[in-house]
């Protein structure tokens, strides 16, 4: 996934999980439309309330057209900078 956070853009392999009150969080395999999720990845240091856009990478094997475009997958904001999550 390509991540756009503020003015920074970087690629990362993200881990999806549910947002719970305890210190244990259930991992999710897929992003479902309409659900709230936490996306964890290693990236540059950033601070909360930063807007974040996640883009799904284009399929390089697809013929020219809409399938070759990068698509917006999710919109949100930075929750926290916590390496133990």
C-alpha atoms as a PDB file:
ATOM      1  CA  UNK A   1       0.000   0.000   0.000  1.00  0.00           C
ATOM      2  CA  UNK A   2       1.104   3.521  -0.690  1.00  0.00           C
ATOM      3  CA  UNK A   3       0.611   5.799   2.280  1.00  0.00           C
ATOM      4  CA  UNK A   4       0.229   9.560   2.086  1.00  0.00           C
ATOM      5  CA  UNK A   5       0.518  11.167   5.528  1.00  0.00           C
ATOM      6  CA  UNK A   6       0.604  14.936   5.521  1.00  0.00           C
ATOM      7  CA  UNK A   7       3.302  15.856   3.004  1.00  0.00           C
ATOM      8  CA  UNK A   8       5.070  12.473   3.130  1.00  0.00           C
ATOM      9  CA  UNK A   9       4.447   9.542   0.800  1.00  0.00           C
ATOM     10  CA  UNK A  10       5.896   6.071   1.440  1.00  0.00           C
ATOM     11  CA  UNK A  11       5.181   2.407   0.730  1.00  0.00           C
ATOM     12  CA  UNK A  12       4.562   0.025   3.609  1.00  0.00           C
ATOM     13  CA  UNK A  13       3.202  -3.428   4.321  1.00  0.00           C
ATOM     14  CA  UNK A  14       0.438  -2.728   6.805  1.00  0.00           C
ATOM     15  CA  UNK A  15      -1.095  -4.848   9.566  1.00  0.00           C
ATOM     16  CA  UNK A  16      -4.849  -4.326  10.018  1.00  0.00           C
ATOM     17  CA  UNK A  17      -6.487  -4.633  13.433  1.00  0.00           C
ATOM     18  CA  UNK A  18      -9.600  -3.655  15.346  1.00  0.00           C
ATOM     19  CA  UNK A  19      -9.475  -0.738  17.765  1.00  0.00           C
ATOM     20  CA  UNK A  20     -10.274  -1.954  21.278  1.00  0.00           C
ATOM     21  CA  UNK A  21      -9.877  -0.634  24.810  1.00  0.00           C
ATOM     22  CA  UNK A  22      -7.665  -3.494  26.047  1.00  0.00           C
ATOM     23  CA  UNK A  23      -4.017  -4.072  25.188  1.00  0.00           C
ATOM     24  CA  UNK A  24      -4.953  -6.974  22.875  1.00  0.00           C
ATOM     25  CA  UNK A  25      -6.247  -6.227  19.388  1.00  0.00           C
ATOM     26  CA  UNK A  26      -7.821  -8.650  16.906  1.00  0.00           C
ATOM     27  CA  UNK A  27      -5.963  -8.783  13.594  1.00  0.00           C
ATOM     28  CA  UNK A  28      -8.039  -8.445  10.421  1.00  0.00           C
ATOM     29  CA  UNK A  29      -7.188  -9.954   7.028  1.00  0.00           C
ATOM     30  CA  UNK A  30      -9.153  -7.513   4.878  1.00  0.00           C
ATOM     31  CA  UNK A  31     -10.446  -3.964   4.985  1.00  0.00           C
ATOM     32  CA  UNK A  32     -14.242  -3.964   4.905  1.00  0.00           C
ATOM     33  CA  UNK A  33     -16.192  -0.959   3.665  1.00  0.00           C
ATOM     34  CA  UNK A  34     -17.690   1.075   6.486  1.00  0.00           C
ATOM     35  CA  UNK A  35     -15.627  -0.462   9.339  1.00  0.00           C
ATOM     36  CA  UNK A  36     -13.204   1.441  11.565  1.00  0.00           C
ATOM     37  CA  UNK A  37      -9.730  -0.089  11.633  1.00  0.00           C
ATOM     38  CA  UNK A  38      -6.236   0.575  12.853  1.00  0.00           C
ATOM     39  CA  UNK A  39      -3.505   0.200  10.233  1.00  0.00           C
ATOM     40  CA  UNK A  40      -0.055  -0.371  11.768  1.00  0.00           C
ATOM     41  CA  UNK A  41       3.198   0.036   9.868  1.00  0.00           C
ATOM     42  CA  UNK A  42       6.753   1.252  10.346  1.00  0.00           C
ATOM     43  CA  UNK A  43       7.316   4.664   8.809  1.00  0.00           C
ATOM     44  CA  UNK A  44       8.739   8.097   9.506  1.00  0.00           C
ATOM     45  CA  UNK A  45       7.959   9.693  12.876  1.00  0.00           C
ATOM     46  CA  UNK A  46       4.678  11.634  12.759  1.00  0.00           C
ATOM     47  CA  UNK A  47       2.317  13.062  15.352  1.00  0.00           C
ATOM     48  CA  UNK A  48      -1.440  12.503  15.887  1.00  0.00           C
ATOM     49  CA  UNK A  49      -4.190  14.363  14.059  1.00  0.00           C
ATOM     50  CA  UNK A  50      -2.253  14.098  10.802  1.00  0.00           C
ATOM     51  CA  UNK A  51      -4.516  13.242   7.822  1.00  0.00           C
ATOM     52  CA  UNK A  52      -3.680   9.895   6.178  1.00  0.00           C
ATOM     53  CA  UNK A  53      -4.663   8.491   2.768  1.00  0.00           C
ATOM     54  CA  UNK A  54      -4.051   4.831   1.810  1.00  0.00           C
ATOM     55  CA  UNK A  55      -3.831   3.880  -1.851  1.00  0.00           C
ATOM     56  CA  UNK A  56      -4.095   0.403  -3.348  1.00  0.00           C
ATOM     57  CA  UNK A  57      -1.255  -0.273  -5.768  1.00  0.00           C
ATOM     58  CA  UNK A  58      -2.099  -0.599  -9.444  1.00  0.00           C
ATOM     59  CA  UNK A  59      -1.887  -4.006 -11.118  1.00  0.00           C
ATOM     60  CA  UNK A  60       1.147  -3.863 -13.456  1.00  0.00           C
ATOM     61  CA  UNK A  61      -0.126  -6.902 -15.440  1.00  0.00           C
ATOM     62  CA  UNK A  62      -3.445  -5.276 -16.336  1.00  0.00           C
ATOM     63  CA  UNK A  63      -3.962  -3.717 -19.762  1.00  0.00           C
ATOM     64  CA  UNK A  64      -4.013   0.062 -20.014  1.00  0.00           C
ATOM     65  CA  UNK A  65      -7.138   1.557 -18.486  1.00  0.00           C
ATOM     66  CA  UNK A  66      -8.799   1.917 -15.079  1.00  0.00           C
ATOM     67  CA  UNK A  67      -7.169  -1.261 -13.664  1.00  0.00           C
ATOM     68  CA  UNK A  68      -3.697   0.303 -14.020  1.00  0.00           C
ATOM     69  CA  UNK A  69      -4.546   3.336 -11.874  1.00  0.00           C
ATOM     70  CA  UNK A  70      -3.712   3.648  -8.203  1.00  0.00           C
ATOM     71  CA  UNK A  71      -6.994   3.670  -6.225  1.00  0.00           C
ATOM     72  CA  UNK A  72      -7.889   5.308  -2.928  1.00  0.00           C
ATOM     73  CA  UNK A  73      -8.455   2.513  -0.382  1.00  0.00           C
ATOM     74  CA  UNK A  74      -8.951   4.361   2.916  1.00  0.00           C
ATOM     75  CA  UNK A  75      -9.041   7.793   4.533  1.00  0.00           C
ATOM     76  CA  UNK A  76      -8.325   8.585   8.174  1.00  0.00           C
ATOM     77  CA  UNK A  77      -6.010  10.227  10.654  1.00  0.00           C
ATOM     78  CA  UNK A  78      -2.967   9.185  12.656  1.00  0.00           C
ATOM     79  CA  UNK A  79      -4.026   7.553  15.942  1.00  0.00           C
ATOM     80  CA  UNK A  80      -0.702   7.428  17.812  1.00  0.00           C
ATOM     81  CA  UNK A  81       3.008   6.717  17.386  1.00  0.00           C
ATOM     82  CA  UNK A  82       3.212   3.503  19.447  1.00  0.00           C
ATOM     83  CA  UNK A  83       5.770   0.800  18.498  1.00  0.00           C
ATOM     84  CA  UNK A  84       4.155  -1.694  20.924  1.00  0.00           C
ATOM     85  CA  UNK A  85       0.759  -1.783  19.170  1.00  0.00           C
END
